[in-house]
Protein backbone atom coordinates (compact mmCIF):
# COMPACT_ATOMS: atom_id res chain seq x y z
CA MET A 1 11.85 -1.98 16.17
CA LEU A 2 12.53 0.24 13.12
CA LEU A 3 9.28 0.32 10.94
CA SER A 4 7.85 2.64 8.08
CA VAL A 5 4.13 2.81 8.35
CA ILE A 6 2.93 3.58 4.68
CA VAL A 7 -0.44 4.99 3.97
CA ILE A 8 -2.07 5.85 0.60
CA THR A 9 -4.95 8.16 0.43
CA ALA A 10 -6.98 10.34 -1.55
CA ARG A 11 -9.84 10.78 0.33
CA ALA A 12 -10.86 14.22 2.01
CA GLN A 13 -10.77 13.12 5.73
CA PRO A 14 -8.24 10.30 5.85
CA GLN A 15 -8.08 10.28 9.90
CA ILE A 16 -4.21 10.24 9.82
CA GLU A 17 -4.21 11.81 13.14
CA THR A 18 -6.05 8.94 14.74
CA LEU A 19 -3.94 6.77 13.04
CA MET A 20 -0.88 8.50 14.35
CA ARG A 21 -2.27 8.37 18.07
CA ALA A 22 -3.01 4.60 17.98
CA ILE A 23 0.15 3.68 16.44
CA ASP A 24 1.94 5.82 19.09
CA ALA A 25 -0.27 4.10 22.09
CA GLN A 26 0.85 0.74 20.91
CA ALA A 27 4.70 1.25 20.69
CA VAL A 28 6.99 0.19 23.41
CA SER A 29 10.34 1.63 24.56
CA GLY A 30 13.01 0.69 21.78
CA ASP A 31 10.22 1.15 18.69
CA VAL A 32 11.05 3.96 16.30
CA ILE A 33 8.41 4.29 13.76
CA GLU A 34 7.90 6.36 10.63
CA LEU A 35 4.88 7.27 9.18
CA VAL A 36 5.06 7.81 4.95
CA LEU A 37 1.97 9.20 3.66
CA VAL A 38 1.35 9.21 0.26
CA ASP A 39 -1.30 11.81 -0.50
CA PHE A 40 -2.77 12.46 -3.94
CA LEU A 41 -4.20 15.77 -2.89
CA GLY A 42 -0.71 17.02 -1.89
CA ARG A 43 -1.83 18.31 1.40
CA SER A 44 -0.05 19.59 3.82
CA PHE A 45 0.22 19.02 7.64
CA THR A 46 -2.15 21.65 8.36
CA ASP A 47 -4.33 20.67 5.90
CA LEU A 48 -4.82 17.16 7.16
CA ASP A 49 -5.09 18.83 10.99
CA LEU A 50 -1.62 17.62 12.08
CA ASP A 51 0.20 19.22 14.74
CA ASN A 52 2.96 20.94 13.23
CA THR A 53 4.87 20.81 16.22
CA TRP A 54 5.32 17.53 15.81
CA LEU A 55 7.48 17.94 13.10
CA ALA A 56 9.10 20.96 14.60
CA GLN A 57 9.70 19.75 18.22
CA ARG A 58 10.30 15.70 18.71
CA THR A 59 8.95 16.15 22.15
CA ALA A 60 5.49 17.63 21.26
CA ARG A 61 4.56 14.57 18.54
CA PRO A 62 4.13 11.14 19.66
CA ALA A 63 6.89 9.72 21.63
CA HIS A 64 7.36 7.03 19.18
CA ILE A 65 6.60 8.55 15.80
CA GLY A 66 10.39 9.19 14.65
CA SER A 67 9.23 11.40 11.46
CA VAL A 68 6.20 12.02 9.84
CA LYS A 69 6.81 12.28 5.55
CA LEU A 70 4.27 13.73 3.02
CA CYS A 71 4.41 13.06 -0.60
CA LYS A 72 2.37 12.79 -3.69
CA PRO A 73 2.34 9.61 -5.68
CA LYS A 74 4.94 9.73 -8.46
CA PRO A 75 4.23 10.16 -12.13
CA THR A 76 1.83 7.68 -13.57
CA PRO A 77 -0.25 7.43 -16.54
CA TYR A 78 -3.19 7.10 -14.84
CA GLN A 79 -3.70 10.40 -12.52
CA GLY A 80 -2.28 13.55 -11.01
CA GLU A 81 -0.55 15.95 -13.68
CA HIS A 82 1.20 13.25 -15.63
CA ARG A 83 -1.54 11.19 -16.50
CA VAL A 84 -2.39 10.36 -20.09
CA THR A 85 -5.93 9.10 -19.47
CA SER A 86 -8.86 11.22 -19.71
CA ARG A 87 -9.58 11.21 -15.84
CA ASP A 88 -8.01 10.42 -12.82
CA LEU A 89 -7.97 6.57 -12.33
CA HIS A 90 -7.23 3.84 -9.57
CA ALA A 91 -3.28 3.63 -9.49
CA ILE A 92 -2.54 1.92 -5.95
CA ALA A 93 0.54 0.01 -7.15
CA ASN A 94 1.86 3.17 -8.27
CA ALA A 95 0.99 5.05 -4.70
CA ARG A 96 2.33 1.79 -2.51
CA ASN A 97 5.85 1.64 -4.63
CA THR A 98 6.08 5.60 -4.17
CA GLY A 99 5.88 4.81 -0.21
CA PHE A 100 8.44 2.09 -0.60
CA ILE A 101 10.67 4.62 -2.13
CA VAL A 102 10.45 7.80 0.18
CA SER A 103 10.53 5.18 3.43
CA SER A 104 13.75 4.41 5.33
CA MET A 105 13.41 1.97 7.97
CA PRO A 106 14.21 -1.73 7.28
CA TYR A 107 10.69 -3.24 7.82
CA LEU A 108 7.58 -1.86 6.26
CA ALA A 109 3.86 -2.14 6.90
CA PHE A 110 0.94 -1.10 4.39
CA LEU A 111 -2.48 0.36 5.48
CA ASP A 112 -4.87 2.14 3.50
CA ASP A 113 -6.59 5.35 4.96
CA ARG A 114 -9.31 5.76 7.81
CA VAL A 115 -8.35 2.60 9.34
CA THR A 116 -8.72 1.46 13.33
CA LEU A 117 -5.75 -0.58 14.41
CA GLY A 118 -6.75 -3.70 16.53
CA ALA A 119 -5.73 -4.06 19.86
CA ARG A 120 -2.61 -6.30 18.83
CA TRP A 121 -1.52 -4.78 15.20
CA LEU A 122 1.80 -3.39 16.24
CA GLU A 123 2.57 -6.16 18.66
CA THR A 124 2.19 -8.45 15.99
CA ILE A 125 4.44 -6.66 13.41
CA ARG A 126 7.17 -6.20 16.19
CA GLU A 127 7.09 -9.92 16.84
CA TYR A 128 8.21 -10.66 13.31
CA ALA A 129 10.20 -7.63 12.67
CA LYS A 130 12.39 -8.40 15.78
CA ARG A 131 12.48 -12.06 14.40
CA GLY A 132 14.83 -10.79 11.91
CA ASP A 133 13.38 -13.19 9.25
CA ASP A 134 13.99 -12.20 5.30
CA ASP A 135 11.95 -15.08 4.15
CA ARG A 136 8.75 -14.01 5.58
CA ALA A 137 5.78 -11.67 4.93
CA ILE A 138 2.66 -11.44 7.19
CA ALA A 139 -0.91 -10.32 6.87
CA GLY A 140 -3.65 -9.35 8.77
CA PRO A 141 -7.44 -9.53 8.07
CA CYS A 142 -9.43 -6.30 7.17
CA ASP A 143 -13.21 -5.60 8.36
CA ARG A 144 -14.85 -3.11 6.16
CA HIS A 145 -17.62 -0.81 7.99
CA GLU A 146 -20.09 1.71 6.83
CA PHE A 147 -22.09 3.58 9.53
CA GLY A 148 -20.33 1.39 12.38
CA ALA A 149 -21.80 -1.83 10.58
CA ARG A 150 -19.75 -4.63 9.33
CA VAL A 151 -20.35 -4.76 5.21
CA ARG A 152 -17.62 -7.11 4.08
CA ASP A 153 -16.64 -10.73 5.42
CA ASP A 154 -12.78 -11.45 5.41
CA ARG A 155 -12.94 -14.95 3.99
CA ARG A 156 -9.18 -15.58 5.50
CA LEU A 157 -11.15 -15.67 8.92
CA ARG A 158 -12.78 -18.80 8.01
CA SER A 159 -9.16 -19.90 9.60
CA PRO A 160 -10.12 -18.70 13.15
CA ASN A 161 -6.65 -18.98 14.36
CA GLY A 162 -4.77 -17.80 11.42
CA ARG A 163 -2.81 -19.98 8.98
CA GLY A 164 0.87 -20.05 8.18
CA ASP A 165 2.72 -20.71 4.71
CA CYS A 166 -0.78 -19.25 2.87
CA PRO A 167 -0.94 -19.18 -0.82
CA GLY A 168 0.46 -16.12 -2.10
CA ASP A 169 -3.13 -14.05 -3.06
CA TRP A 170 -3.82 -14.15 0.92
CA LEU A 171 -1.82 -10.93 0.59
CA TYR A 172 -4.52 -8.70 0.09
CA GLY A 173 -6.88 -5.98 1.76
CA GLY A 174 -3.94 -3.19 1.91
CA ASN A 175 -3.04 -4.59 5.43
CA PHE A 176 0.32 -6.42 5.28
CA ALA A 177 4.32 -6.01 6.28
CA LEU A 178 7.15 -7.35 5.45
CA PRO A 179 10.99 -6.35 5.29
CA ARG A 180 12.41 -3.91 3.04
CA ALA A 181 14.38 -6.68 1.35
CA LEU A 182 11.46 -8.83 0.02
CA TYR A 183 9.62 -5.69 -1.12
CA GLU A 184 13.02 -5.15 -3.02
CA LEU A 185 13.16 -8.74 -4.30
CA VAL A 186 10.13 -8.43 -6.37
CA ASN A 187 10.38 -4.89 -7.25
CA GLY A 188 7.34 -4.00 -5.39
CA CYS A 189 3.58 -3.91 -6.57
CA GLU A 190 3.16 -4.78 -10.07
CA GLU A 191 2.09 -1.31 -11.64
CA GLY A 192 0.42 -3.29 -14.93
CA THR A 193 -2.29 -3.89 -12.36
CA ASP A 194 -3.29 -0.18 -12.24
CA PRO A 195 -6.15 0.85 -12.76
CA CYS A 196 -7.87 -2.34 -12.40
CA GLY A 197 -6.34 -3.38 -8.85
CA ARG A 198 -5.15 -6.85 -7.30
CA GLN A 199 -1.90 -5.51 -7.01
CA ASP A 200 -1.47 -6.81 -3.29
CA ARG A 201 -2.43 -10.44 -4.70
CA VAL A 202 0.24 -10.39 -7.27
CA LEU A 203 2.76 -8.93 -4.86
CA GLY A 204 1.48 -11.94 -2.74
CA MET A 205 2.04 -14.46 -5.63
CA MET A 206 5.51 -13.12 -6.68
CA LEU A 207 6.74 -13.29 -3.48
CA ARG A 208 5.68 -17.05 -3.00
CA ASN A 209 7.22 -17.47 -6.29
CA ASN A 210 10.32 -16.80 -4.73
CA GLY A 211 9.85 -19.02 -1.79
CA VAL A 212 8.61 -16.60 0.58
CA ARG A 213 6.29 -18.06 3.25
CA ILE A 214 3.40 -15.54 4.00
CA ASP A 215 1.58 -16.12 7.52
CA PHE A 216 -2.10 -14.52 8.05
CA LEU A 217 -2.33 -13.38 11.64
CA THR A 218 -5.59 -13.10 13.45
CA SER A 219 -3.80 -10.84 15.92
CA MET A 220 -3.05 -7.91 12.95
CA GLY A 221 -6.48 -6.97 12.31
CA VAL A 222 -7.93 -3.74 10.91
CA VAL A 223 -11.17 -2.01 10.65
CA PHE A 224 -11.31 0.22 7.34
CA ASP A 225 -14.36 2.88 7.83
CA ARG A 226 -15.94 3.97 4.65
CA ASP A 227 -18.83 6.18 5.47
CA THR A 228 -20.97 7.71 2.63
CA ALA A 229 -19.03 11.31 2.64
CA ASN A 230 -15.89 9.49 1.37
CA LYS A 231 -18.15 7.34 -1.27
CA PRO A 232 -17.77 6.51 -3.93
CA HIS A 233 -13.93 5.47 -3.89
CA PRO A 234 -12.16 8.54 -5.03
CA PHE A 235 -11.19 7.36 -8.52
CA PRO A 236 -12.49 4.67 -10.31
CA ARG A 237 -10.94 0.78 -10.85
CA LEU A 238 -11.20 -0.46 -14.45
CA ARG A 239 -12.33 -3.89 -14.89
CA PRO A 240 -13.13 -4.80 -18.33
CA GLY A 241 -14.37 -7.91 -19.44
CA VAL A 242 -16.89 -10.32 -18.36
CA PRO A 243 -15.79 -12.74 -15.86
CA PRO A 244 -14.33 -15.39 -16.02
CA ALA A 245 -12.57 -13.75 -19.08
CA ASP A 246 -12.10 -10.06 -17.38
CA LYS A 247 -9.19 -8.44 -16.71
CA ALA A 248 -9.11 -9.12 -13.00
CA ARG A 249 -8.73 -12.56 -13.12
CA ALA A 250 -6.26 -11.85 -16.45
CA ILE A 251 -3.97 -9.93 -14.11
CA LEU A 252 -3.50 -13.08 -11.71
CA LYS A 253 -2.57 -15.18 -14.93
CA ARG A 254 -0.43 -12.56 -16.30
CA TYR A 255 1.45 -11.72 -13.48
CA GLY A 256 0.96 -14.35 -10.72
CA GLY A 257 3.48 -16.55 -12.35
CA ARG A 258 6.43 -14.05 -12.43
CA MET A 259 9.24 -14.00 -9.68
CA ARG A 260 9.66 -10.17 -10.65
CA THR A 261 7.48 -6.99 -11.91
CA ASP A 262 7.35 -6.64 -15.56
CA PRO A 263 9.88 -3.86 -16.45
CA ALA A 264 7.63 -2.56 -19.35
CA THR A 265 5.08 -1.48 -16.87
CA THR A 266 6.74 -0.92 -13.30
CA PRO A 267 10.03 1.07 -13.15
CA ASP A 268 13.32 -0.23 -11.09
CA LEU A 269 12.29 0.84 -7.67
CA LYS A 270 15.79 0.51 -6.28
CA ALA A 271 17.41 2.74 -8.90
CA MET A 272 14.44 5.21 -8.57
CA ARG A 273 14.78 5.55 -4.75
CA ARG A 274 18.60 6.29 -5.13
CA ILE A 275 17.76 9.10 -7.50
CA ILE A 276 15.36 10.36 -4.84
CA LEU A 277 17.96 10.00 -1.78
CA ALA A 278 20.49 12.02 -3.76
CA GLY A 279 17.99 15.01 -3.52
CA GLY A 280 16.67 14.17 -7.09
CA LYS A 281 12.98 14.35 -8.53
CA PHE A 282 10.87 11.48 -9.59
CA PRO A 283 11.36 10.75 -13.36
CA SER A 284 8.32 10.92 -15.52
CA HIS A 285 6.85 7.51 -17.00
CA ALA A 286 7.06 6.55 -20.84
CA PHE A 287 3.61 6.14 -21.80
CA THR A 288 1.53 8.60 -23.96
CA ALA A 289 -2.08 9.04 -24.75
CA ASP A 290 -1.76 6.64 -27.96
CA SER A 291 -0.18 3.57 -25.51
CA ARG A 292 -2.58 0.67 -25.60
CA ASP A 293 -3.76 -1.27 -22.57
CA TRP A 294 -2.59 -4.74 -22.78
CA PHE A 295 -5.50 -6.31 -21.72
CA ASP A 296 -7.80 -5.11 -24.57
CA ASN A 297 -5.65 -2.70 -26.41
CA THR A 298 -7.86 0.23 -25.33
CA ARG A 299 -6.23 3.66 -26.03
CA PHE A 300 -4.88 4.66 -22.77
CA GLY A 301 -6.29 8.47 -24.08
CA ASP A 302 -10.01 6.65 -24.14
CA LEU A 303 -9.41 5.13 -20.66
């Protein structure tokens, strides 16, 4: 199996080394796994407590971790040095798309930081990756813990044995995998969902609109650890409006019926990837402080 595991983080203690050890423990002969870490804080391997010898000497790093790539999120109007908003905000769609651009393997798995893998997480992905299905994405349950106690139920677990051919909005929780070709088909995560969220659900809905099957697999479970040292969320989500007329619901209506991301909000990822592979730099975005939010016409500079 040739797999890129794309992890995004902005937390002080993302526990990347723990994740690497867990991936390696579940790997088998023939697996070549690339870890892509998209880190808003732009840390080095030393800062993240990763053993530098894993890069310098392949035999010193976990046997099945073929490479480890570190990068910052590409330019976005919502956070970082290129932001035009008044503060750093949630921009997960942009971060996931950055990971796609930097990654190199034909099969992709996406995770958040501070995650513990279930015992069959990698085995489940391997089964689907080896089948060579270019018409199917998979998702697994996400339990969320604080102080070791479960704090959020995953409603999808009401199907105790999983469910095949799921609705698109079942692709959520930051734990999903699919062939690179399918991510390219819809041009990745819709960046018009930043800084609100719902990017995973919209991705799933666009995939379904293209005839892609989504399977929810209980064997692909993970646990996200959210301790008080990492709360509140590093960057706030902005969800203006009052349900049912709020932005989170409006996002599903605006983008959920599309076959592909909106070129006004999401750049052509394949074209951008060609620039990066040729040794170029990420181009900047076209938004300014006077750009307006599509939901309520608020100036970006006032967000």
